[in-house]
Amino acid sequence: MTQSTPSATTTAPITFSERALAELRKLQSTEATADKPYLRVGVKGGGCSGLSYVLEYDAATPADQHFTIGGVEIVLDPRHELYLHGMHIEFEDGLNARGFVFQNPNAKSTCGCGTSFSA
């Protein structure tokens, strides 16, 4: 199986906090594999508000945009940039919540748990 190399892009449309990057680097050691080496950030249909976020290790496609942020190799389908441009991803590790938090300026409404949105 041939691994495709994503196209390089200079400015990432999303940002991560240092805490989120540290958690992603930890996850990379257990989640990333030879056939799924990149962190995919995107959206998919579903969730109570219409779209839900994708944050998973995956293979790159020829159409993907490629970014390196804080040592994490990220791929993004350019069709999703419309929904994600300007988004900041944080990681919370407290008593009330643990996980990635998506702060998306393009979301017109979000569900109560923050994992889905409408644009």
N, C-alpha and C. Protein backbone atom coordinates (compact mmCIF):
# COMPACT_ATOMS: atom_id res chain seq x y z
N MET A 1 0.85 -1.18 0.00
CA MET A 1 0.00 0.00 0.00
C MET A 1 0.89 1.24 0.00
N THR A 2 0.61 2.17 -0.87
CA THR A 2 1.41 3.38 -0.99
C THR A 2 0.77 4.49 -0.16
N GLN A 3 1.59 5.14 0.63
CA GLN A 3 1.12 6.26 1.44
C GLN A 3 1.18 7.53 0.61
N SER A 4 0.07 8.24 0.48
CA SER A 4 0.09 9.49 -0.26
C SER A 4 0.62 10.59 0.64
N THR A 5 1.33 11.51 0.06
CA THR A 5 1.87 12.63 0.80
C THR A 5 0.95 13.81 0.60
N PRO A 6 0.43 14.38 1.69
CA PRO A 6 -0.48 15.51 1.56
C PRO A 6 0.24 16.74 1.02
N SER A 7 -0.53 17.60 0.38
CA SER A 7 0.05 18.83 -0.15
C SER A 7 0.36 19.79 1.00
N ALA A 8 1.44 20.50 0.89
CA ALA A 8 1.86 21.42 1.94
C ALA A 8 1.14 22.75 1.80
N THR A 9 0.74 23.32 2.91
CA THR A 9 0.09 24.62 2.96
C THR A 9 0.76 25.41 4.07
N THR A 10 0.87 26.71 3.91
CA THR A 10 1.67 27.49 4.86
C THR A 10 0.93 27.87 6.13
N THR A 11 -0.28 28.35 6.06
CA THR A 11 -0.98 28.83 7.24
C THR A 11 -2.15 27.92 7.56
N ALA A 12 -2.14 27.38 8.76
CA ALA A 12 -3.23 26.49 9.19
C ALA A 12 -4.48 27.30 9.49
N PRO A 13 -5.65 26.81 9.09
CA PRO A 13 -6.89 27.53 9.37
C PRO A 13 -7.39 27.31 10.79
N ILE A 14 -6.72 26.43 11.55
CA ILE A 14 -7.12 26.14 12.92
C ILE A 14 -5.91 26.32 13.84
N THR A 15 -6.17 26.48 15.13
CA THR A 15 -5.09 26.58 16.12
C THR A 15 -5.40 25.64 17.27
N PHE A 16 -4.35 25.30 18.01
CA PHE A 16 -4.45 24.44 19.18
C PHE A 16 -3.78 25.11 20.36
N SER A 17 -4.31 24.91 21.54
CA SER A 17 -3.63 25.39 22.74
C SER A 17 -2.45 24.47 23.01
N GLU A 18 -1.52 24.93 23.83
CA GLU A 18 -0.38 24.09 24.21
C GLU A 18 -0.84 22.83 24.92
N ARG A 19 -1.86 22.95 25.75
CA ARG A 19 -2.40 21.78 26.47
C ARG A 19 -2.98 20.77 25.48
N ALA A 20 -3.69 21.24 24.46
CA ALA A 20 -4.25 20.33 23.45
C ALA A 20 -3.13 19.66 22.67
N LEU A 21 -2.09 20.40 22.30
CA LEU A 21 -0.96 19.82 21.57
C LEU A 21 -0.25 18.75 22.41
N ALA A 22 -0.09 19.02 23.70
CA ALA A 22 0.55 18.03 24.58
C ALA A 22 -0.27 16.75 24.63
N GLU A 23 -1.58 16.87 24.70
CA GLU A 23 -2.45 15.68 24.73
C GLU A 23 -2.40 14.95 23.39
N LEU A 24 -2.37 15.69 22.29
CA LEU A 24 -2.29 15.06 20.97
C LEU A 24 -0.98 14.31 20.79
N ARG A 25 0.11 14.86 21.30
CA ARG A 25 1.40 14.16 21.22
C ARG A 25 1.36 12.86 22.02
N LYS A 26 0.69 12.87 23.19
CA LYS A 26 0.53 11.63 23.96
C LYS A 26 -0.31 10.62 23.20
N LEU A 27 -1.42 11.08 22.62
CA LEU A 27 -2.29 10.19 21.86
C LEU A 27 -1.60 9.64 20.62
N GLN A 28 -0.74 10.44 20.02
CA GLN A 28 -0.04 10.02 18.81
C GLN A 28 0.76 8.74 19.06
N SER A 29 1.34 8.62 20.24
CA SER A 29 2.15 7.45 20.53
C SER A 29 1.31 6.18 20.66
N THR A 30 0.01 6.32 20.94
CA THR A 30 -0.85 5.13 21.08
C THR A 30 -1.86 4.98 19.95
N GLU A 31 -2.27 6.07 19.31
CA GLU A 31 -3.32 6.02 18.29
C GLU A 31 -2.81 5.99 16.86
N ALA A 32 -1.72 6.70 16.58
CA ALA A 32 -1.21 6.78 15.21
C ALA A 32 -0.56 5.44 14.84
N THR A 33 -0.75 5.05 13.58
CA THR A 33 -0.15 3.82 13.07
C THR A 33 0.53 4.13 11.74
N ALA A 34 1.25 3.16 11.20
CA ALA A 34 1.94 3.37 9.93
C ALA A 34 0.97 3.71 8.81
N ASP A 35 -0.22 3.12 8.82
CA ASP A 35 -1.19 3.42 7.76
C ASP A 35 -2.13 4.57 8.11
N LYS A 36 -2.07 5.08 9.33
CA LYS A 36 -2.86 6.24 9.76
C LYS A 36 -1.99 7.17 10.60
N PRO A 37 -1.00 7.82 9.96
CA PRO A 37 -0.04 8.61 10.73
C PRO A 37 -0.43 10.06 11.00
N TYR A 38 -1.47 10.56 10.36
CA TYR A 38 -1.82 11.98 10.44
C TYR A 38 -3.06 12.20 11.30
N LEU A 39 -3.08 13.33 12.00
CA LEU A 39 -4.28 13.71 12.73
C LEU A 39 -5.21 14.40 11.74
N ARG A 40 -6.39 13.84 11.54
CA ARG A 40 -7.38 14.44 10.66
C ARG A 40 -8.30 15.32 11.49
N VAL A 41 -8.44 16.57 11.06
CA VAL A 41 -9.38 17.50 11.66
C VAL A 41 -10.40 17.80 10.58
N GLY A 42 -11.68 17.63 10.91
CA GLY A 42 -12.71 17.86 9.90
C GLY A 42 -14.09 17.87 10.51
N VAL A 43 -15.07 17.71 9.65
CA VAL A 43 -16.47 17.65 10.06
C VAL A 43 -17.14 16.50 9.33
N LYS A 44 -18.24 16.04 9.88
CA LYS A 44 -19.07 15.05 9.21
C LYS A 44 -20.52 15.32 9.59
N GLY A 45 -21.41 14.88 8.75
CA GLY A 45 -22.83 15.06 9.04
C GLY A 45 -23.22 14.22 10.24
N GLY A 46 -24.06 14.78 11.09
CA GLY A 46 -24.53 14.04 12.25
C GLY A 46 -24.52 14.90 13.49
N GLY A 47 -24.93 14.31 14.58
CA GLY A 47 -25.02 15.06 15.82
C GLY A 47 -26.34 15.80 15.89
N CYS A 48 -26.67 16.28 17.05
CA CYS A 48 -27.97 16.92 17.23
C CYS A 48 -28.07 18.29 16.58
N SER A 49 -26.93 18.89 16.20
CA SER A 49 -26.98 20.22 15.57
C SER A 49 -26.68 20.19 14.08
N GLY A 50 -26.43 19.01 13.50
CA GLY A 50 -26.24 18.93 12.06
C GLY A 50 -24.87 18.47 11.61
N LEU A 51 -23.80 19.01 12.20
CA LEU A 51 -22.43 18.61 11.87
C LEU A 51 -21.70 18.27 13.16
N SER A 52 -20.82 17.28 13.08
CA SER A 52 -20.00 16.96 14.25
C SER A 52 -18.53 17.01 13.85
N TYR A 53 -17.68 17.22 14.82
CA TYR A 53 -16.26 17.36 14.56
C TYR A 53 -15.59 16.00 14.41
N VAL A 54 -14.57 15.96 13.57
CA VAL A 54 -13.72 14.78 13.41
C VAL A 54 -12.34 15.15 13.92
N LEU A 55 -11.82 14.33 14.80
CA LEU A 55 -10.47 14.50 15.33
C LEU A 55 -9.95 13.08 15.56
N GLU A 56 -9.25 12.54 14.53
CA GLU A 56 -8.81 11.15 14.59
C GLU A 56 -7.57 10.96 13.74
N TYR A 57 -6.83 9.91 14.02
CA TYR A 57 -5.67 9.59 13.20
C TYR A 57 -6.14 8.86 11.95
N ASP A 58 -5.55 9.24 10.79
CA ASP A 58 -6.04 8.77 9.51
C ASP A 58 -4.92 8.84 8.48
N ALA A 59 -5.15 8.24 7.33
CA ALA A 59 -4.25 8.36 6.19
C ALA A 59 -4.59 9.64 5.44
N ALA A 60 -3.64 10.17 4.73
CA ALA A 60 -3.87 11.38 3.93
C ALA A 60 -4.42 10.98 2.57
N THR A 61 -5.20 11.88 1.99
CA THR A 61 -5.67 11.71 0.62
C THR A 61 -4.94 12.72 -0.25
N PRO A 62 -4.90 12.52 -1.56
CA PRO A 62 -4.21 13.47 -2.43
C PRO A 62 -4.76 14.90 -2.34
N ALA A 63 -6.02 15.05 -2.00
CA ALA A 63 -6.63 16.38 -1.93
C ALA A 63 -6.37 17.10 -0.60
N ASP A 64 -5.92 16.39 0.42
CA ASP A 64 -5.76 16.98 1.75
C ASP A 64 -4.74 18.11 1.79
N GLN A 65 -5.04 19.07 2.65
CA GLN A 65 -4.07 20.10 3.01
C GLN A 65 -3.26 19.53 4.18
N HIS A 66 -1.99 19.88 4.26
CA HIS A 66 -1.11 19.35 5.27
C HIS A 66 -0.51 20.48 6.10
N PHE A 67 -0.55 20.32 7.42
CA PHE A 67 0.00 21.31 8.34
C PHE A 67 0.79 20.59 9.42
N THR A 68 1.81 21.24 9.93
CA THR A 68 2.50 20.77 11.12
C THR A 68 2.34 21.85 12.17
N ILE A 69 1.68 21.49 13.26
CA ILE A 69 1.43 22.44 14.34
C ILE A 69 1.98 21.84 15.62
N GLY A 70 2.97 22.48 16.20
CA GLY A 70 3.54 21.99 17.45
C GLY A 70 4.07 20.58 17.37
N GLY A 71 4.59 20.19 16.21
CA GLY A 71 5.12 18.85 16.04
C GLY A 71 4.08 17.80 15.68
N VAL A 72 2.83 18.18 15.55
CA VAL A 72 1.75 17.25 15.19
C VAL A 72 1.44 17.44 13.71
N GLU A 73 1.50 16.34 12.96
CA GLU A 73 1.19 16.36 11.52
C GLU A 73 -0.32 16.27 11.36
N ILE A 74 -0.89 17.28 10.71
CA ILE A 74 -2.35 17.39 10.59
C ILE A 74 -2.74 17.43 9.12
N VAL A 75 -3.85 16.74 8.79
CA VAL A 75 -4.43 16.82 7.45
C VAL A 75 -5.86 17.33 7.57
N LEU A 76 -6.26 18.07 6.53
CA LEU A 76 -7.59 18.68 6.51
C LEU A 76 -8.11 18.64 5.09
N ASP A 77 -9.30 18.13 4.91
CA ASP A 77 -9.96 18.17 3.61
C ASP A 77 -10.30 19.64 3.33
N PRO A 78 -9.84 20.20 2.22
CA PRO A 78 -10.09 21.63 1.97
C PRO A 78 -11.57 21.99 1.90
N ARG A 79 -12.43 21.02 1.63
CA ARG A 79 -13.88 21.31 1.62
C ARG A 79 -14.41 21.60 3.02
N HIS A 80 -13.68 21.19 4.06
CA HIS A 80 -14.12 21.41 5.43
C HIS A 80 -13.65 22.75 6.00
N GLU A 81 -12.71 23.39 5.30
CA GLU A 81 -12.14 24.63 5.82
C GLU A 81 -13.22 25.71 6.02
N LEU A 82 -14.22 25.72 5.17
CA LEU A 82 -15.33 26.66 5.31
C LEU A 82 -15.94 26.60 6.70
N TYR A 83 -16.04 25.40 7.26
CA TYR A 83 -16.66 25.21 8.57
C TYR A 83 -15.68 25.37 9.73
N LEU A 84 -14.38 25.26 9.45
CA LEU A 84 -13.39 25.21 10.52
C LEU A 84 -12.45 26.41 10.59
N HIS A 85 -12.46 27.28 9.60
CA HIS A 85 -11.51 28.39 9.55
C HIS A 85 -11.64 29.26 10.81
N GLY A 86 -10.52 29.45 11.48
CA GLY A 86 -10.51 30.27 12.69
C GLY A 86 -10.81 29.50 13.96
N MET A 87 -11.04 28.19 13.87
CA MET A 87 -11.37 27.39 15.04
C MET A 87 -10.14 27.20 15.93
N HIS A 88 -10.36 27.22 17.23
CA HIS A 88 -9.31 26.97 18.22
C HIS A 88 -9.71 25.73 19.00
N ILE A 89 -8.77 24.81 19.17
CA ILE A 89 -9.05 23.58 19.91
C ILE A 89 -8.26 23.60 21.21
N GLU A 90 -8.98 23.42 22.30
CA GLU A 90 -8.43 23.42 23.65
C GLU A 90 -8.60 22.02 24.23
N PHE A 91 -7.86 21.71 25.27
CA PHE A 91 -8.05 20.45 25.98
C PHE A 91 -8.31 20.77 27.44
N GLU A 92 -9.41 20.22 27.97
CA GLU A 92 -9.76 20.42 29.37
C GLU A 92 -9.56 19.11 30.12
N ASP A 93 -9.02 19.22 31.32
CA ASP A 93 -8.77 18.04 32.13
C ASP A 93 -9.12 18.37 33.57
N GLY A 94 -10.41 18.58 33.80
CA GLY A 94 -10.86 18.97 35.13
C GLY A 94 -11.84 17.98 35.72
N LEU A 95 -12.37 18.31 36.86
CA LEU A 95 -13.33 17.44 37.52
C LEU A 95 -14.65 17.34 36.77
N ASN A 96 -15.06 18.44 36.13
CA ASN A 96 -16.34 18.45 35.43
C ASN A 96 -16.26 17.96 34.00
N ALA A 97 -15.09 18.06 33.37
CA ALA A 97 -14.99 17.68 31.96
C ALA A 97 -13.56 17.28 31.64
N ARG A 98 -13.42 16.33 30.72
CA ARG A 98 -12.12 15.94 30.20
C ARG A 98 -12.29 15.69 28.72
N GLY A 99 -11.53 16.41 27.92
CA GLY A 99 -11.58 16.20 26.48
C GLY A 99 -11.28 17.47 25.71
N PHE A 100 -11.35 17.33 24.40
CA PHE A 100 -11.08 18.45 23.51
C PHE A 100 -12.31 19.34 23.42
N VAL A 101 -12.06 20.63 23.42
CA VAL A 101 -13.13 21.63 23.34
C VAL A 101 -12.89 22.43 22.06
N PHE A 102 -13.93 22.54 21.24
CA PHE A 102 -13.85 23.22 19.95
C PHE A 102 -14.48 24.60 20.08
N GLN A 103 -13.66 25.62 19.86
CA GLN A 103 -14.15 26.99 19.88
C GLN A 103 -14.19 27.46 18.43
N ASN A 104 -15.38 27.39 17.84
CA ASN A 104 -15.53 27.60 16.41
C ASN A 104 -16.32 28.88 16.13
N PRO A 105 -15.68 29.89 15.55
CA PRO A 105 -16.40 31.14 15.25
C PRO A 105 -17.43 30.99 14.14
N ASN A 106 -17.40 29.89 13.40
CA ASN A 106 -18.34 29.68 12.30
C ASN A 106 -19.62 28.99 12.74
N ALA A 107 -19.65 28.50 13.96
CA ALA A 107 -20.83 27.79 14.46
C ALA A 107 -21.93 28.78 14.81
N LYS A 108 -23.06 28.63 14.16
CA LYS A 108 -24.21 29.48 14.46
C LYS A 108 -24.93 28.99 15.71
N SER A 109 -24.92 27.68 15.92
CA SER A 109 -25.47 27.10 17.14
C SER A 109 -24.72 25.80 17.43
N THR A 110 -24.68 25.43 18.70
CA THR A 110 -24.02 24.19 19.10
C THR A 110 -24.94 23.40 20.00
N CYS A 111 -24.64 22.11 20.12
CA CYS A 111 -25.42 21.29 21.02
C CYS A 111 -24.90 21.49 22.44
N GLY A 112 -25.58 20.96 23.42
CA GLY A 112 -25.21 21.14 24.81
C GLY A 112 -23.86 20.57 25.17
N CYS A 113 -23.46 19.47 24.53
CA CYS A 113 -22.18 18.85 24.87
C CYS A 113 -21.03 19.45 24.07
N GLY A 114 -21.30 20.26 23.04
CA GLY A 114 -20.26 20.93 22.28
C GLY A 114 -19.59 20.11 21.20
N THR A 115 -20.15 18.93 20.89
CA THR A 115 -19.52 18.10 19.86
C THR A 115 -20.17 18.21 18.50
N SER A 116 -21.28 18.92 18.42
CA SER A 116 -21.89 19.14 17.10
C SER A 116 -22.33 20.61 16.99
N PHE A 117 -22.52 21.06 15.76
CA PHE A 117 -22.84 22.46 15.52
C PHE A 117 -23.56 22.60 14.18
N SER A 118 -24.12 23.77 13.97
CA SER A 118 -24.65 24.12 12.65
C SER A 118 -23.95 25.39 12.22
N ALA A 119 -23.78 25.50 10.90
CA ALA A 119 -23.06 26.65 10.36
C ALA A 119 -23.97 27.49 9.50
